[in-house]
Protein backbone atom coordinates (compact mmCIF):
# COMPACT_ATOMS: atom_id res chain seq x y z
CA MET A 1 193.53 -22.55 -16.19
CA HIS A 2 193.63 -24.88 -13.17
CA ILE A 3 195.84 -23.13 -10.60
CA PRO A 4 198.24 -25.50 -8.77
CA ASP A 5 199.23 -25.31 -5.11
CA GLY A 6 201.83 -22.70 -4.24
CA PHE A 7 200.81 -20.12 -6.82
CA LEU A 8 198.44 -18.13 -4.59
CA ASP A 9 199.18 -16.66 -1.19
CA ALA A 10 197.07 -17.58 1.82
CA LYS A 11 195.01 -14.40 1.82
CA VAL A 12 193.99 -14.87 -1.81
CA TRP A 13 193.17 -18.57 -1.75
CA GLY A 14 191.56 -18.28 1.68
CA SER A 15 189.28 -15.43 0.60
CA LEU A 16 188.31 -17.13 -2.65
CA SER A 17 187.66 -20.41 -0.83
CA ALA A 18 185.25 -18.63 1.49
CA VAL A 19 183.49 -16.86 -1.38
CA SER A 20 183.20 -20.04 -3.43
CA ALA A 21 181.93 -22.09 -0.48
CA ALA A 22 179.28 -19.47 0.26
CA ALA A 23 178.24 -19.36 -3.39
CA VAL A 24 177.93 -23.16 -3.58
CA VAL A 25 175.82 -23.29 -0.41
CA PHE A 26 173.63 -20.43 -1.63
CA SER A 27 173.19 -22.10 -5.02
CA ALA A 28 172.17 -25.40 -3.45
CA ARG A 29 169.60 -23.64 -1.26
CA ALA A 30 168.36 -21.57 -4.19
CA ILE A 31 167.76 -24.69 -6.27
CA ASN A 32 165.90 -26.36 -3.39
CA LYS A 33 163.67 -23.31 -3.06
CA GLY A 34 163.08 -23.12 -6.81
CA VAL A 35 164.83 -19.78 -7.40
CA ASN A 36 164.67 -18.96 -11.10
CA LYS A 37 162.56 -22.12 -11.47
CA GLU A 38 165.70 -24.23 -11.52
CA SER A 39 164.17 -27.13 -9.57
CA ASP A 40 160.80 -27.51 -11.22
CA ASN A 41 161.52 -30.24 -13.74
CA GLU A 42 161.87 -33.99 -13.14
CA LYS A 43 164.52 -34.21 -15.86
CA ARG A 44 166.87 -31.91 -13.95
CA ILE A 45 168.75 -34.41 -11.76
CA PRO A 46 169.60 -36.92 -14.53
CA MET A 47 170.45 -33.99 -16.81
CA MET A 48 172.84 -32.68 -14.16
CA GLY A 49 174.61 -36.03 -14.14
CA VAL A 50 174.86 -36.18 -17.90
CA MET A 51 176.11 -32.60 -18.11
CA ALA A 52 178.72 -33.16 -15.38
CA ALA A 53 180.00 -36.26 -17.19
CA PHE A 54 180.12 -34.44 -20.52
CA ILE A 55 182.00 -31.44 -19.10
CA PHE A 56 184.40 -33.69 -17.20
CA ALA A 57 185.20 -35.69 -20.33
CA ALA A 58 185.46 -32.58 -22.51
CA GLN A 59 187.86 -30.91 -20.08
CA MET A 60 190.19 -33.89 -20.34
CA LEU A 61 190.67 -33.20 -24.04
CA ASN A 62 193.15 -30.43 -24.75
CA PHE A 63 193.41 -28.64 -28.06
CA PRO A 64 196.57 -26.85 -29.27
CA VAL A 65 196.86 -23.07 -29.29
CA ALA A 66 199.58 -20.75 -30.59
CA GLY A 67 203.10 -21.01 -29.18
CA GLY A 68 202.84 -24.62 -28.08
CA THR A 69 200.18 -23.91 -25.45
CA SER A 70 196.93 -25.80 -25.17
CA GLY A 71 193.48 -25.24 -23.75
CA HIS A 72 190.37 -27.16 -22.85
CA PHE A 73 186.62 -26.70 -22.73
CA MET A 74 185.27 -25.07 -19.53
CA GLY A 75 181.52 -25.65 -19.93
CA GLY A 76 180.08 -23.00 -17.64
CA VAL A 77 177.94 -21.33 -20.28
CA LEU A 78 176.63 -24.62 -21.64
CA ALA A 79 175.60 -25.85 -18.19
CA ALA A 80 174.04 -22.50 -17.25
CA VAL A 81 172.11 -22.11 -20.49
CA LEU A 82 170.63 -25.59 -20.15
CA LEU A 83 170.05 -25.72 -16.40
CA GLY A 84 170.53 -22.23 -15.01
CA PRO A 85 173.56 -20.59 -13.35
CA PHE A 86 172.93 -22.01 -9.85
CA THR A 87 172.92 -25.56 -11.19
CA GLY A 88 175.81 -24.73 -13.50
CA LEU A 89 177.95 -23.71 -10.53
CA LEU A 90 177.19 -26.97 -8.71
CA ILE A 91 178.07 -29.01 -11.79
CA LEU A 92 181.40 -27.21 -12.30
CA THR A 93 182.17 -27.52 -8.60
CA ALA A 94 181.65 -31.28 -8.69
CA VAL A 95 183.85 -31.60 -11.78
CA LEU A 96 186.64 -29.50 -10.26
CA ILE A 97 186.57 -31.42 -6.97
CA VAL A 98 186.97 -34.75 -8.77
CA GLN A 99 189.77 -33.35 -10.94
CA CYS A 100 191.56 -31.99 -7.87
CA PHE A 101 191.33 -35.05 -5.62
CA VAL A 102 191.51 -37.84 -8.19
CA PHE A 103 193.64 -36.44 -11.02
CA GLN A 104 195.61 -33.73 -9.13
CA ASP A 105 194.51 -31.23 -11.75
CA GLY A 106 194.54 -27.99 -9.76
CA GLY A 107 195.81 -27.61 -6.22
CA LEU A 108 193.87 -28.31 -3.05
CA THR A 109 194.56 -24.87 -1.61
CA ALA A 110 193.63 -23.34 -4.97
CA LEU A 111 190.37 -25.28 -5.28
CA GLY A 112 188.29 -22.33 -4.11
CA ALA A 113 190.00 -20.06 -6.63
CA ASN A 114 189.45 -22.55 -9.44
CA ILE A 115 185.77 -22.87 -8.50
CA PHE A 116 185.50 -19.08 -8.44
CA ASN A 117 187.18 -18.65 -11.83
CA MET A 118 185.63 -21.52 -13.75
CA GLY A 119 182.45 -22.18 -11.80
CA MET A 120 181.23 -18.77 -10.71
CA ILE A 121 182.61 -16.71 -13.58
CA GLY A 122 181.88 -19.43 -16.12
CA SER A 123 178.31 -20.07 -15.03
CA PHE A 124 177.03 -16.77 -13.64
CA ALA A 125 178.96 -14.24 -15.73
CA GLY A 126 178.61 -16.46 -18.80
CA TYR A 127 174.87 -16.89 -18.31
CA TYR A 128 174.13 -13.21 -17.89
CA LEU A 129 176.43 -12.33 -20.77
CA TYR A 130 174.37 -14.76 -22.83
CA LEU A 131 171.12 -13.09 -21.78
CA ALA A 132 172.55 -9.64 -22.53
CA ALA A 133 173.76 -10.76 -25.96
CA GLU A 134 170.36 -12.29 -26.71
CA LYS A 135 168.64 -9.05 -25.76
CA LEU A 136 171.01 -6.70 -27.57
CA LEU A 137 172.13 -8.80 -30.53
CA GLY A 138 169.44 -11.46 -30.94
CA LYS A 139 168.16 -9.94 -34.16
CA ILE A 140 171.65 -9.31 -35.54
CA VAL A 141 173.88 -12.30 -34.80
CA PRO A 142 173.16 -15.74 -36.33
CA LYS A 143 171.28 -18.35 -34.32
CA PHE A 144 173.37 -19.52 -31.38
CA GLY A 145 175.68 -16.53 -31.90
CA SER A 146 174.89 -15.28 -28.41
CA ALA A 147 175.96 -18.63 -26.94
CA PHE A 148 179.23 -18.47 -28.87
CA LEU A 149 179.92 -14.92 -27.70
CA ALA A 150 179.11 -15.76 -24.08
CA GLY A 151 181.31 -18.87 -24.20
CA TRP A 152 184.21 -16.88 -25.61
CA LEU A 153 183.85 -14.05 -23.11
CA SER A 154 183.49 -16.41 -20.15
CA ILE A 155 186.88 -17.97 -20.93
CA VAL A 156 188.59 -14.60 -21.31
CA LEU A 157 187.03 -13.29 -18.09
CA ALA A 158 187.97 -16.40 -16.11
CA ALA A 159 191.55 -16.21 -17.39
CA SER A 160 191.73 -12.50 -16.54
CA PHE A 161 190.59 -13.14 -12.97
CA CYS A 162 193.18 -15.90 -12.73
CA ALA A 163 195.89 -13.46 -13.85
CA ILE A 164 194.75 -10.87 -11.30
CA GLU A 165 194.88 -13.47 -8.53
CA LEU A 166 198.42 -14.45 -9.52
CA ALA A 167 199.43 -10.79 -9.57
CA VAL A 168 197.91 -10.07 -6.13
CA SER A 169 199.77 -13.13 -4.84
CA LYS A 170 202.98 -11.68 -6.36
CA THR A 171 203.47 -14.82 -8.41
CA ALA A 172 203.59 -12.86 -11.67
CA PRO A 173 203.35 -9.12 -12.40
CA ILE A 174 199.97 -7.99 -13.72
CA GLY A 175 201.60 -6.46 -16.80
CA THR A 176 202.89 -9.91 -17.76
CA ALA A 177 200.19 -12.22 -16.46
CA LEU A 178 197.08 -10.41 -17.72
CA PRO A 179 198.08 -9.96 -21.40
CA ALA A 180 199.48 -13.48 -21.54
CA MET A 181 196.47 -15.17 -19.96
CA ALA A 182 193.85 -13.07 -21.76
CA GLY A 183 195.65 -13.35 -25.09
CA VAL A 184 196.02 -17.13 -25.06
CA HIS A 185 192.51 -17.66 -23.74
CA ALA A 186 191.07 -15.38 -26.38
CA LEU A 187 192.11 -18.15 -28.78
CA ILE A 188 190.98 -20.92 -26.44
CA GLY A 189 187.63 -19.14 -26.16
CA ILE A 190 186.96 -19.79 -29.83
CA GLY A 191 186.99 -23.50 -29.09
CA GLU A 192 184.76 -22.92 -26.05
CA GLY A 193 182.24 -21.04 -28.16
CA LEU A 194 182.22 -23.61 -30.93
CA ILE A 195 181.75 -26.57 -28.57
CA THR A 196 178.97 -24.72 -26.72
CA VAL A 197 177.15 -23.98 -29.96
CA ALA A 198 177.63 -27.53 -31.28
CA ALA A 199 176.26 -29.06 -28.07
CA LEU A 200 173.23 -26.73 -27.98
CA ALA A 201 172.50 -27.35 -31.67
CA PHE A 202 172.69 -31.12 -31.15
CA ILE A 203 170.36 -30.97 -28.14
CA LYS A 204 167.90 -28.74 -29.97
CA LYS A 205 167.81 -31.19 -32.87
CA THR A 206 167.52 -34.38 -30.81
CA ARG A 207 165.90 -33.33 -27.50
CA PRO A 208 164.45 -29.82 -27.77
CA ASP A 209 162.49 -30.46 -24.57
CA LEU A 210 165.75 -30.24 -22.63
CA LEU A 211 166.18 -26.58 -23.52
CA LEU A 212 164.37 -25.61 -20.36
CA LEU A 213 165.38 -22.11 -19.41
CA VAL A 214 166.36 -20.28 -22.56
CA LYS A 215 165.04 -19.76 -26.05
CA VAL A 216 167.56 -20.80 -28.69
């Protein structure tokens, strides 16, 4: 889902860069001020480092999907569930910056778009989808089912926004890009959901004190 250079026109990548930069600055200030109680625990900073390292490593591992395509873990929901969406965005931003500058995974001009798609959509949309699923389906779906659903939906949403951005940039028609991106990532999302659930289950078993912001 990392968009390379040359796939987005200047208006699209410029606008998304501005939005993403503003969101990152706002998130950093929100954490400093304790919005949503995201800065009230001494374990938060080391946990941020561990989570960033885990997501970075997990994103380097691709798993095969239908038609010879492959996908990788995004991690927005996992980071947001454990540390809150503001912190989740900062973690994903750090991971994407390293991938862009060190591994050339995603273009420099498209960095803002990639942060928007994977960081903002993954963390904020994924987190609030998780809360909505917990509220509406908590008594129906199995334990951690809400995390699986949010992980799956976050991937599909991020891929859909990516397709829309490509269409607005006239790189690919929306009728081709959206079904292709959403369809493939609907399969990739299964892996996202399973990894999210597995990580949360492992943390609950070994370090339940790290489940700071959400009841699972």
